[in-house]
Each structure stands twice: as structure tokens, then as C-alpha cells.
Amino acid sequence: MSTIRTQLSEGVFTITFNRPKVFNSFNKEMAMEVQAALDQAAKDPAIRCVVLTGEGKAFCAGQDLAEVMDENGPELTSIVRDHYNPIIMRIRNLEKPVVAGVQGVAAGAGANIALACDVCIATESASFIQAFSKIGLIPDSGGTYFLPRIIGFQKASALAMLGDKVSAEEAERLGMIYQWFSDEEFSGALNKLSLKLASMPTKGLGLTKRAFNEGLTNSLEDQLDIEEKLQTAASKTYDYNEGVNAFLEKRKPAFKGE
């Protein structure tokens, strides 16, 4: 892979966007490589947590516009349908925690990929921009779905239309991200968070993620039924038995994600 780097360590699979000269903006090659890496994460039981982050000064500046303007490049319809939509669906359907570690700018599709993750943390110097309106486009990559649900209709509509830059501090206040850290503390905080998630009962975390996905469109009655179904599934896992036994035996549990 030439546009991303991947690394597996202690159950944490890190996918690093690696086009720093163009602020890790997406082209077709990078989109396909990210999709392939997420497929690998779904299939490999040794992977317990996935981290998305960027090389250099940016997380991801969105779409590489040079590719859009290239007469031999993919059409915008194909870029949305074949590049970004599959990434968002893979993130949400992956029944393992996915963490976005945002340093620098997260703009356009880059911002919305971060919002689609289960947990997003950022550096103090990070910023989030719905940059689409600046070139006459609409938010894609799930932006019109997740952003209003996260921060409310009025604020989401304003950010989408005005394209305001949102600081990490403001993003945390609005609920767009979980936490921000100083630039010096960020790397250690991202590592600590991802290792903690990887050591947890990740089968249960995956079922929790499925429940949250269902809850985005379900009625209360339907959601209560889903909770019953998924709680039953969780109670049959190795990790549930291990957690209960560890609690009764007053010891630290050793979860396996099974």
C-alpha cells in the first residue's frame, strides 16, 4: 500500500493516511486502500480496535480536487458512491471499536469520516470544517446524517452552509468529539485509549455499536426488542462469563473478544 500505512500492535490496528504533501486528501487509490484495510480489520480476530489517523500536519483534508478536475479521473458521482460511502459503511458495520485520532485539519470528507467513528479525539490545534459549501457542494460521507444527530439541526445546518472552522475545544463542547489533548499529550493519549479499548470485552463493544446503529432509526419499542436480542447474545460470550467470574473472584478480567 502506497497511500496508507498499517500497523498491528497489542490488538490495535492503526491505519495512517499517508499523503502528507496534500494534507492526506483522498484520491481513488487511497480510498481503495482504506477500504481494504478495514476489510482486513473485520476478518482478523487478532485486531481488537482500529485507529484512523493521519501522517504529518493534517488528519485528512477531504477529496483531492486535482483528481476531480483531471479529465481522466473519476466522476464526482463515482467518488461519493465508490470511494466514501463504502468507507463509512465499513466503519459503522465493523463490530469493533474504531477510533479517530485527529491532528491538524479534518475537512470535508475527512471531518465526516472522523464523525462516523465510535470515538474521536483530537489535538488542541485540530480543526473540523464542513468545507463543501465553499465550492458549491453538499456534505457527503455521512455528514448530513451524523452531524445533525450529534449537535442538533440548527448548528449543523449553519456549519454546513457557512463552512465555519470548529476548534477542538469547541468540537468537544458541541459533542462532535470525545476529548481533546495538548499536541504534546495527544500521541500518548491516543495510544492509551486504543489499548484500553483493545483490552476490553470487544465482542460486547461490537454489539453495543450494533445497538447504537439500530437506534438511529428505530422506535423505542423496536429498540427495546433489539436490546433484548443483543443482551442475550452478549450473555453467551466468553467475555461475559470471564467478567462475571473476575468480579466474583475479585481479580482483573482477561478478556479475549470472544
C-alpha atoms as a PDB file:
ATOM      1  CA  MET A   1       0.000   0.000   0.000  1.00  0.00           C
ATOM      2  CA  SER A   2       1.417   3.358  -1.007  1.00  0.00           C
ATOM      3  CA  THR A   3      -1.115   5.907   0.299  1.00  0.00           C
ATOM      4  CA  ILE A   4      -1.680   4.490   3.782  1.00  0.00           C
ATOM      5  CA  ARG A   5       0.384   2.714   6.427  1.00  0.00           C
ATOM      6  CA  THR A   6      -0.959  -0.040   8.667  1.00  0.00           C
ATOM      7  CA  GLN A   7       0.404  -1.449  11.908  1.00  0.00           C
ATOM      8  CA  LEU A   8      -0.909  -4.080  14.313  1.00  0.00           C
ATOM      9  CA  SER A   9       0.346  -3.940  17.890  1.00  0.00           C
ATOM     10  CA  GLU A  10      -1.257  -5.423  21.015  1.00  0.00           C
ATOM     11  CA  GLY A  11      -4.599  -5.796  19.291  1.00  0.00           C
ATOM     12  CA  VAL A  12      -4.641  -2.226  17.953  1.00  0.00           C
ATOM     13  CA  PHE A  13      -4.682  -1.879  14.156  1.00  0.00           C
ATOM     14  CA  THR A  14      -3.609   1.610  13.130  1.00  0.00           C
ATOM     15  CA  ILE A  15      -4.479   2.901   9.657  1.00  0.00           C
ATOM     16  CA  THR A  16      -2.497   6.031   8.862  1.00  0.00           C
ATOM     17  CA  PHE A  17      -3.461   8.225   5.925  1.00  0.00           C
ATOM     18  CA  ASN A  18      -0.118   8.827   4.267  1.00  0.00           C
ATOM     19  CA  ARG A  19      -0.312  11.600   1.677  1.00  0.00           C
ATOM     20  CA  PRO A  20       1.108  14.392   3.861  1.00  0.00           C
ATOM     21  CA  LYS A  21       2.154  16.628   0.932  1.00  0.00           C
ATOM     22  CA  VAL A  22      -1.539  17.117   0.099  1.00  0.00           C
ATOM     23  CA  PHE A  23      -2.707  17.039   3.741  1.00  0.00           C
ATOM     24  CA  ASN A  24      -3.791  13.399   3.371  1.00  0.00           C
ATOM     25  CA  SER A  25      -6.542  14.266   0.900  1.00  0.00           C
ATOM     26  CA  PHE A  26      -8.237  11.287  -0.678  1.00  0.00           C
ATOM     27  CA  ASN A  27      -7.719  10.011  -4.192  1.00  0.00           C
ATOM     28  CA  LYS A  28      -9.105   6.763  -5.615  1.00  0.00           C
ATOM     29  CA  GLU A  29      -6.042   4.755  -4.612  1.00  0.00           C
ATOM     30  CA  MET A  30      -6.199   5.864  -1.001  1.00  0.00           C
ATOM     31  CA  ALA A  31      -9.944   5.198  -0.795  1.00  0.00           C
ATOM     32  CA  MET A  32      -9.478   1.661  -2.089  1.00  0.00           C
ATOM     33  CA  GLU A  33      -6.579   1.010   0.276  1.00  0.00           C
ATOM     34  CA  VAL A  34      -8.569   2.263   3.289  1.00  0.00           C
ATOM     35  CA  GLN A  35     -11.468   0.008   2.305  1.00  0.00           C
ATOM     36  CA  ALA A  36      -9.109  -2.965   2.019  1.00  0.00           C
ATOM     37  CA  ALA A  37      -7.556  -2.204   5.416  1.00  0.00           C
ATOM     38  CA  LEU A  38     -10.993  -2.016   7.058  1.00  0.00           C
ATOM     39  CA  ASP A  39     -11.886  -5.350   5.437  1.00  0.00           C
ATOM     40  CA  GLN A  40      -8.729  -6.818   6.942  1.00  0.00           C
ATOM     41  CA  ALA A  41      -9.717  -5.459  10.353  1.00  0.00           C
ATOM     42  CA  ALA A  42     -13.126  -7.100  10.090  1.00  0.00           C
ATOM     43  CA  LYS A  43     -11.682 -10.515   9.265  1.00  0.00           C
ATOM     44  CA  ASP A  44      -8.685 -10.702  11.610  1.00  0.00           C
ATOM     45  CA  PRO A  45      -9.593 -11.827  15.163  1.00  0.00           C
ATOM     46  CA  ALA A  46      -6.237 -10.522  16.395  1.00  0.00           C
ATOM     47  CA  ILE A  47      -7.468  -6.997  15.658  1.00  0.00           C
ATOM     48  CA  ARG A  48      -9.490  -5.743  18.632  1.00  0.00           C
ATOM     49  CA  CYS A  49      -9.515  -1.993  17.956  1.00  0.00           C
ATOM     50  CA  VAL A  50      -8.961   0.159  14.846  1.00  0.00           C
ATOM     51  CA  VAL A  51      -7.388   3.616  14.828  1.00  0.00           C
ATOM     52  CA  LEU A  52      -7.654   6.049  11.921  1.00  0.00           C
ATOM     53  CA  THR A  53      -5.111   8.846  11.923  1.00  0.00           C
ATOM     54  CA  GLY A  54      -3.044  10.957   9.547  1.00  0.00           C
ATOM     55  CA  GLU A  55       0.634  11.472   8.801  1.00  0.00           C
ATOM     56  CA  GLY A  56       2.082  14.946   9.212  1.00  0.00           C
ATOM     57  CA  LYS A  57       0.185  18.148   9.910  1.00  0.00           C
ATOM     58  CA  ALA A  58      -3.330  17.022   8.957  1.00  0.00           C
ATOM     59  CA  PHE A  59      -5.792  14.247   9.638  1.00  0.00           C
ATOM     60  CA  CYS A  60      -7.441  14.487   6.213  1.00  0.00           C
ATOM     61  CA  ALA A  61      -8.305  17.493   4.051  1.00  0.00           C
ATOM     62  CA  GLY A  62     -11.083  15.614   2.222  1.00  0.00           C
ATOM     63  CA  GLN A  63     -11.099  14.999  -1.507  1.00  0.00           C
ATOM     64  CA  ASP A  64      -8.051  15.694  -3.656  1.00  0.00           C
ATOM     65  CA  LEU A  65      -9.586  18.221  -6.051  1.00  0.00           C
ATOM     66  CA  ALA A  66      -6.818  17.661  -8.583  1.00  0.00           C
ATOM     67  CA  GLU A  67      -8.287  14.200  -9.151  1.00  0.00           C
ATOM     68  CA  VAL A  68     -11.773  15.641  -9.627  1.00  0.00           C
ATOM     69  CA  MET A  69     -10.550  18.128 -12.221  1.00  0.00           C
ATOM     70  CA  ASP A  70      -8.489  15.542 -14.108  1.00  0.00           C
ATOM     71  CA  GLU A  71     -10.366  14.748 -17.327  1.00  0.00           C
ATOM     72  CA  ASN A  72      -9.253  11.132 -16.961  1.00  0.00           C
ATOM     73  CA  GLY A  73     -10.182  10.928 -13.307  1.00  0.00           C
ATOM     74  CA  PRO A  74     -13.346   9.502 -11.723  1.00  0.00           C
ATOM     75  CA  GLU A  75     -16.572  11.498 -11.795  1.00  0.00           C
ATOM     76  CA  LEU A  76     -17.828  13.001  -8.558  1.00  0.00           C
ATOM     77  CA  THR A  77     -20.768  10.585  -8.515  1.00  0.00           C
ATOM     78  CA  SER A  78     -18.355   7.664  -8.538  1.00  0.00           C
ATOM     79  CA  ILE A  79     -16.151   9.269  -5.896  1.00  0.00           C
ATOM     80  CA  VAL A  80     -19.072   9.543  -3.471  1.00  0.00           C
ATOM     81  CA  ARG A  81     -20.628   6.169  -4.327  1.00  0.00           C
ATOM     82  CA  ASP A  82     -17.486   4.042  -4.699  1.00  0.00           C
ATOM     83  CA  HIS A  83     -14.884   5.798  -2.530  1.00  0.00           C
ATOM     84  CA  TYR A  84     -16.520   7.383   0.512  1.00  0.00           C
ATOM     85  CA  ASN A  85     -19.825   5.588   1.037  1.00  0.00           C
ATOM     86  CA  PRO A  86     -18.130   2.171   1.369  1.00  0.00           C
ATOM     87  CA  ILE A  87     -15.670   3.583   3.918  1.00  0.00           C
ATOM     88  CA  ILE A  88     -18.468   4.990   6.081  1.00  0.00           C
ATOM     89  CA  MET A  89     -20.431   1.733   5.906  1.00  0.00           C
ATOM     90  CA  ARG A  90     -17.351  -0.301   6.791  1.00  0.00           C
ATOM     91  CA  ILE A  91     -16.650   1.888   9.822  1.00  0.00           C
ATOM     92  CA  ARG A  92     -20.218   1.586  11.102  1.00  0.00           C
ATOM     93  CA  ASN A  93     -20.616  -2.129  10.308  1.00  0.00           C
ATOM     94  CA  LEU A  94     -17.262  -3.137  11.805  1.00  0.00           C
ATOM     95  CA  GLU A  95     -18.224  -4.674  15.152  1.00  0.00           C
ATOM     96  CA  LYS A  96     -15.032  -3.489  16.792  1.00  0.00           C
ATOM     97  CA  PRO A  97     -14.317  -0.027  18.205  1.00  0.00           C
ATOM     98  CA  VAL A  98     -12.990   2.468  15.658  1.00  0.00           C
ATOM     99  CA  VAL A  99     -11.115   5.490  16.995  1.00  0.00           C
ATOM    100  CA  ALA A 100     -10.333   8.655  15.036  1.00  0.00           C
ATOM    101  CA  GLY A 101      -7.155  10.386  16.169  1.00  0.00           C
ATOM    102  CA  VAL A 102      -7.364  13.846  14.616  1.00  0.00           C
ATOM    103  CA  GLN A 103      -4.335  16.101  14.447  1.00  0.00           C
ATOM    104  CA  GLY A 104      -4.437  19.239  12.353  1.00  0.00           C
ATOM    105  CA  VAL A 105      -7.249  19.825   9.909  1.00  0.00           C
ATOM    106  CA  ALA A 106     -10.144  17.444   9.281  1.00  0.00           C
ATOM    107  CA  ALA A 107     -12.054  18.965   6.387  1.00  0.00           C
ATOM    108  CA  GLY A 108     -14.855  17.827   4.111  1.00  0.00           C
ATOM    109  CA  ALA A 109     -14.959  14.051   3.861  1.00  0.00           C
ATOM    110  CA  GLY A 110     -12.074  13.927   6.343  1.00  0.00           C
ATOM    111  CA  ALA A 111     -14.213  15.610   9.008  1.00  0.00           C
ATOM    112  CA  ASN A 112     -17.162  13.328   8.354  1.00  0.00           C
ATOM    113  CA  ILE A 113     -15.093  10.153   8.409  1.00  0.00           C
ATOM    114  CA  ALA A 114     -13.915  11.225  11.882  1.00  0.00           C
ATOM    115  CA  LEU A 115     -17.528  11.852  12.973  1.00  0.00           C
ATOM    116  CA  ALA A 116     -18.545   8.373  11.786  1.00  0.00           C
ATOM    117  CA  CYS A 117     -16.043   6.700  14.137  1.00  0.00           C
ATOM    118  CA  ASP A 118     -17.073   5.387  17.552  1.00  0.00           C
ATOM    119  CA  VAL A 119     -14.679   7.601  19.485  1.00  0.00           C
ATOM    120  CA  CYS A 120     -12.936  10.711  18.192  1.00  0.00           C
ATOM    121  CA  ILE A 121     -10.154  12.534  19.997  1.00  0.00           C
ATOM    122  CA  ALA A 122      -8.122  15.455  18.714  1.00  0.00           C
ATOM    123  CA  THR A 123      -5.110  17.627  19.336  1.00  0.00           C
ATOM    124  CA  GLU A 124      -5.604  21.091  20.733  1.00  0.00           C
ATOM    125  CA  SER A 125      -4.567  22.521  17.349  1.00  0.00           C
ATOM    126  CA  ALA A 126      -7.025  20.371  15.360  1.00  0.00           C
ATOM    127  CA  SER A 127      -9.969  21.847  13.486  1.00  0.00           C
ATOM    128  CA  PHE A 128     -13.084  20.495  11.793  1.00  0.00           C
ATOM    129  CA  ILE A 129     -14.531  22.122   8.668  1.00  0.00           C
ATOM    130  CA  GLN A 130     -17.572  21.277   6.567  1.00  0.00           C
ATOM    131  CA  ALA A 131     -15.763  22.734   3.559  1.00  0.00           C
ATOM    132  CA  PHE A 132     -18.235  21.598   0.881  1.00  0.00           C
ATOM    133  CA  SER A 133     -20.191  24.862   0.630  1.00  0.00           C
ATOM    134  CA  LYS A 134     -17.044  26.748  -0.293  1.00  0.00           C
ATOM    135  CA  ILE A 135     -17.084  25.020  -3.696  1.00  0.00           C
ATOM    136  CA  GLY A 136     -20.836  24.675  -4.106  1.00  0.00           C
ATOM    137  CA  LEU A 137     -21.219  21.085  -2.908  1.00  0.00           C
ATOM    138  CA  ILE A 138     -23.180  19.411  -0.119  1.00  0.00           C
ATOM    139  CA  PRO A 139     -21.709  17.490   2.836  1.00  0.00           C
ATOM    140  CA  ASP A 140     -21.182  13.837   1.956  1.00  0.00           C
ATOM    141  CA  SER A 141     -19.565  10.868   3.703  1.00  0.00           C
ATOM    142  CA  GLY A 142     -22.464  10.759   6.139  1.00  0.00           C
ATOM    143  CA  GLY A 143     -22.175  14.414   7.141  1.00  0.00           C
ATOM    144  CA  THR A 144     -25.869  15.174   6.656  1.00  0.00           C
ATOM    145  CA  TYR A 145     -26.707  12.074   8.700  1.00  0.00           C
ATOM    146  CA  PHE A 146     -24.347  12.229  11.664  1.00  0.00           C
ATOM    147  CA  LEU A 147     -23.764  15.944  12.215  1.00  0.00           C
ATOM    148  CA  PRO A 148     -27.415  16.951  12.914  1.00  0.00           C
ATOM    149  CA  ARG A 149     -27.802  13.965  15.221  1.00  0.00           C
ATOM    150  CA  ILE A 150     -24.642  14.870  17.112  1.00  0.00           C
ATOM    151  CA  ILE A 151     -25.019  18.643  17.521  1.00  0.00           C
ATOM    152  CA  GLY A 152     -28.615  19.441  16.528  1.00  0.00           C
ATOM    153  CA  PHE A 153     -30.267  20.693  13.355  1.00  0.00           C
ATOM    154  CA  GLN A 154     -29.626  24.437  13.663  1.00  0.00           C
ATOM    155  CA  LYS A 155     -25.933  24.218  14.482  1.00  0.00           C
ATOM    156  CA  ALA A 156     -25.315  21.507  11.883  1.00  0.00           C
ATOM    157  CA  SER A 157     -27.140  23.477   9.196  1.00  0.00           C
ATOM    158  CA  ALA A 158     -25.125  26.607   9.972  1.00  0.00           C
ATOM    159  CA  LEU A 159     -21.789  24.784   9.943  1.00  0.00           C
ATOM    160  CA  ALA A 160     -22.664  23.054   6.659  1.00  0.00           C
ATOM    161  CA  MET A 161     -23.772  26.266   4.955  1.00  0.00           C
ATOM    162  CA  LEU A 162     -21.224  28.706   6.360  1.00  0.00           C
ATOM    163  CA  GLY A 163     -18.258  26.339   6.426  1.00  0.00           C
ATOM    164  CA  ASP A 164     -17.032  27.696   9.756  1.00  0.00           C
ATOM    165  CA  LYS A 165     -13.863  26.254  11.249  1.00  0.00           C
ATOM    166  CA  VAL A 166     -14.568  24.454  14.537  1.00  0.00           C
ATOM    167  CA  SER A 167     -11.687  24.247  17.020  1.00  0.00           C
ATOM    168  CA  ALA A 168     -11.018  21.107  19.011  1.00  0.00           C
ATOM    169  CA  GLU A 169     -12.202  22.826  22.190  1.00  0.00           C
ATOM    170  CA  GLU A 170     -15.464  23.865  20.527  1.00  0.00           C
ATOM    171  CA  ALA A 171     -15.871  20.422  18.948  1.00  0.00           C
ATOM    172  CA  GLU A 172     -15.688  18.809  22.385  1.00  0.00           C
ATOM    173  CA  ARG A 173     -18.172  21.322  23.797  1.00  0.00           C
ATOM    174  CA  LEU A 174     -20.606  20.564  20.971  1.00  0.00           C
ATOM    175  CA  GLY A 175     -20.212  16.801  21.363  1.00  0.00           C
ATOM    176  CA  MET A 176     -18.508  16.302  17.997  1.00  0.00           C
ATOM    177  CA  ILE A 177     -15.510  14.676  19.683  1.00  0.00           C
ATOM    178  CA  TYR A 178     -14.911  12.825  22.917  1.00  0.00           C
ATOM    179  CA  GLN A 179     -11.880  14.768  24.141  1.00  0.00           C
ATOM    180  CA  TRP A 180      -9.030  16.991  23.021  1.00  0.00           C
ATOM    181  CA  PHE A 181      -5.465  16.919  24.301  1.00  0.00           C
ATOM    182  CA  SER A 182      -2.456  19.164  24.025  1.00  0.00           C
ATOM    183  CA  ASP A 183      -0.318  18.457  20.997  1.00  0.00           C
ATOM    184  CA  GLU A 184       2.368  17.046  23.298  1.00  0.00           C
ATOM    185  CA  GLU A 185      -0.027  14.709  25.140  1.00  0.00           C
ATOM    186  CA  PHE A 186      -2.003  13.553  22.124  1.00  0.00           C
ATOM    187  CA  SER A 187       0.081  10.610  20.929  1.00  0.00           C
ATOM    188  CA  GLY A 188       0.238   9.075  24.392  1.00  0.00           C
ATOM    189  CA  ALA A 189      -3.472   9.658  24.969  1.00  0.00           C
ATOM    190  CA  LEU A 190      -4.395   8.031  21.645  1.00  0.00           C
ATOM    191  CA  ASN A 191      -2.217   5.020  22.424  1.00  0.00           C
ATOM    192  CA  LYS A 192      -3.649   4.671  25.948  1.00  0.00           C
ATOM    193  CA  LEU A 193      -7.246   4.921  24.734  1.00  0.00           C
ATOM    194  CA  SER A 194      -6.831   2.424  21.898  1.00  0.00           C
ATOM    195  CA  LEU A 195      -5.008  -0.094  24.087  1.00  0.00           C
ATOM    196  CA  LYS A 196      -7.741   0.202  26.715  1.00  0.00           C
ATOM    197  CA  LEU A 197     -10.448  -0.491  24.130  1.00  0.00           C
ATOM    198  CA  ALA A 198      -8.484  -3.422  22.691  1.00  0.00           C
ATOM    199  CA  SER A 199      -8.233  -4.992  26.158  1.00  0.00           C
ATOM    200  CA  MET A 200     -11.958  -4.720  26.850  1.00  0.00           C
ATOM    201  CA  PRO A 201     -14.708  -7.262  26.002  1.00  0.00           C
ATOM    202  CA  THR A 202     -14.748  -6.211  22.359  1.00  0.00           C
ATOM    203  CA  LYS A 203     -17.494  -8.679  21.400  1.00  0.00           C
ATOM    204  CA  GLY A 204     -19.790  -6.760  23.728  1.00  0.00           C
ATOM    205  CA  LEU A 205     -18.492  -3.450  22.400  1.00  0.00           C
ATOM    206  CA  GLY A 206     -19.333  -4.594  18.890  1.00  0.00           C
ATOM    207  CA  LEU A 207     -22.865  -5.491  19.966  1.00  0.00           C
ATOM    208  CA  THR A 208     -23.151  -2.096  21.665  1.00  0.00           C
ATOM    209  CA  LYS A 209     -22.146  -0.488  18.376  1.00  0.00           C
ATOM    210  CA  ARG A 210     -24.809  -2.504  16.537  1.00  0.00           C
ATOM    211  CA  ALA A 211     -27.396  -1.329  19.048  1.00  0.00           C
ATOM    212  CA  PHE A 212     -26.428   2.306  18.552  1.00  0.00           C
ATOM    213  CA  ASN A 213     -26.645   1.863  14.774  1.00  0.00           C
ATOM    214  CA  GLU A 214     -30.148   0.418  15.091  1.00  0.00           C
ATOM    215  CA  GLY A 215     -31.170   3.172  17.484  1.00  0.00           C
ATOM    216  CA  LEU A 216     -30.558   5.872  14.889  1.00  0.00           C
ATOM    217  CA  THR A 217     -33.758   4.881  13.075  1.00  0.00           C
ATOM    218  CA  ASN A 218     -35.764   2.622  15.435  1.00  0.00           C
ATOM    219  CA  SER A 219     -38.831   3.395  17.508  1.00  0.00           C
ATOM    220  CA  LEU A 220     -38.485   2.951  21.280  1.00  0.00           C
ATOM    221  CA  GLU A 221     -40.387  -0.339  21.140  1.00  0.00           C
ATOM    222  CA  ASP A 222     -38.179  -1.676  18.342  1.00  0.00           C
ATOM    223  CA  GLN A 223     -35.063  -0.559  20.176  1.00  0.00           C
ATOM    224  CA  LEU A 224     -36.101  -2.324  23.366  1.00  0.00           C
ATOM    225  CA  ASP A 225     -36.519  -5.501  21.317  1.00  0.00           C
ATOM    226  CA  ILE A 226     -33.044  -5.046  19.829  1.00  0.00           C
ATOM    227  CA  GLU A 227     -31.561  -4.526  23.305  1.00  0.00           C
ATOM    228  CA  GLU A 228     -33.179  -7.749  24.478  1.00  0.00           C
ATOM    229  CA  LYS A 229     -31.816  -9.662  21.486  1.00  0.00           C
ATOM    230  CA  LEU A 230     -28.295  -8.257  21.719  1.00  0.00           C
ATOM    231  CA  GLN A 231     -28.127  -8.581  25.518  1.00  0.00           C
ATOM    232  CA  THR A 232     -28.969 -12.256  25.105  1.00  0.00           C
ATOM    233  CA  ALA A 233     -26.161 -12.606  22.559  1.00  0.00           C
ATOM    234  CA  ALA A 234     -23.740 -10.765  24.852  1.00  0.00           C
ATOM    235  CA  SER A 235     -24.612 -13.035  27.777  1.00  0.00           C
ATOM    236  CA  LYS A 236     -23.459 -16.051  25.777  1.00  0.00           C
ATOM    237  CA  THR A 237     -19.953 -14.745  25.138  1.00  0.00           C
ATOM    238  CA  TYR A 238     -16.725 -15.880  26.773  1.00  0.00           C
ATOM    239  CA  ASP A 239     -16.069 -12.308  27.888  1.00  0.00           C
ATOM    240  CA  TYR A 240     -19.346 -12.077  29.818  1.00  0.00           C
ATOM    241  CA  ASN A 241     -18.524 -15.216  31.805  1.00  0.00           C
ATOM    242  CA  GLU A 242     -14.969 -14.023  32.336  1.00  0.00           C
ATOM    243  CA  GLY A 243     -16.149 -10.615  33.510  1.00  0.00           C
ATOM    244  CA  VAL A 244     -18.630 -12.040  35.995  1.00  0.00           C
ATOM    245  CA  ASN A 245     -16.166 -14.605  37.352  1.00  0.00           C
ATOM    246  CA  ALA A 246     -13.445 -11.983  37.672  1.00  0.00           C
ATOM    247  CA  PHE A 247     -15.820  -9.734  39.597  1.00  0.00           C
ATOM    248  CA  LEU A 248     -16.833 -12.532  41.979  1.00  0.00           C
ATOM    249  CA  GLU A 249     -13.218 -13.633  42.418  1.00  0.00           C
ATOM    250  CA  LYS A 250     -12.050 -10.035  42.892  1.00  0.00           C
ATOM    251  CA  ARG A 251      -9.428 -10.225  40.145  1.00  0.00           C
ATOM    252  CA  LYS A 252      -8.692  -8.406  36.926  1.00  0.00           C
ATOM    253  CA  PRO A 253     -10.545  -9.954  33.952  1.00  0.00           C
ATOM    254  CA  ALA A 254      -8.673 -11.302  30.930  1.00  0.00           C
ATOM    255  CA  PHE A 255     -11.000 -10.618  28.023  1.00  0.00           C
ATOM    256  CA  LYS A 256     -10.489 -12.261  24.615  1.00  0.00           C
ATOM    257  CA  GLY A 257     -13.053 -10.529  22.430  1.00  0.00           C
ATOM    258  CA  GLU A 258     -14.979 -13.798  22.146  1.00  0.00           C
END
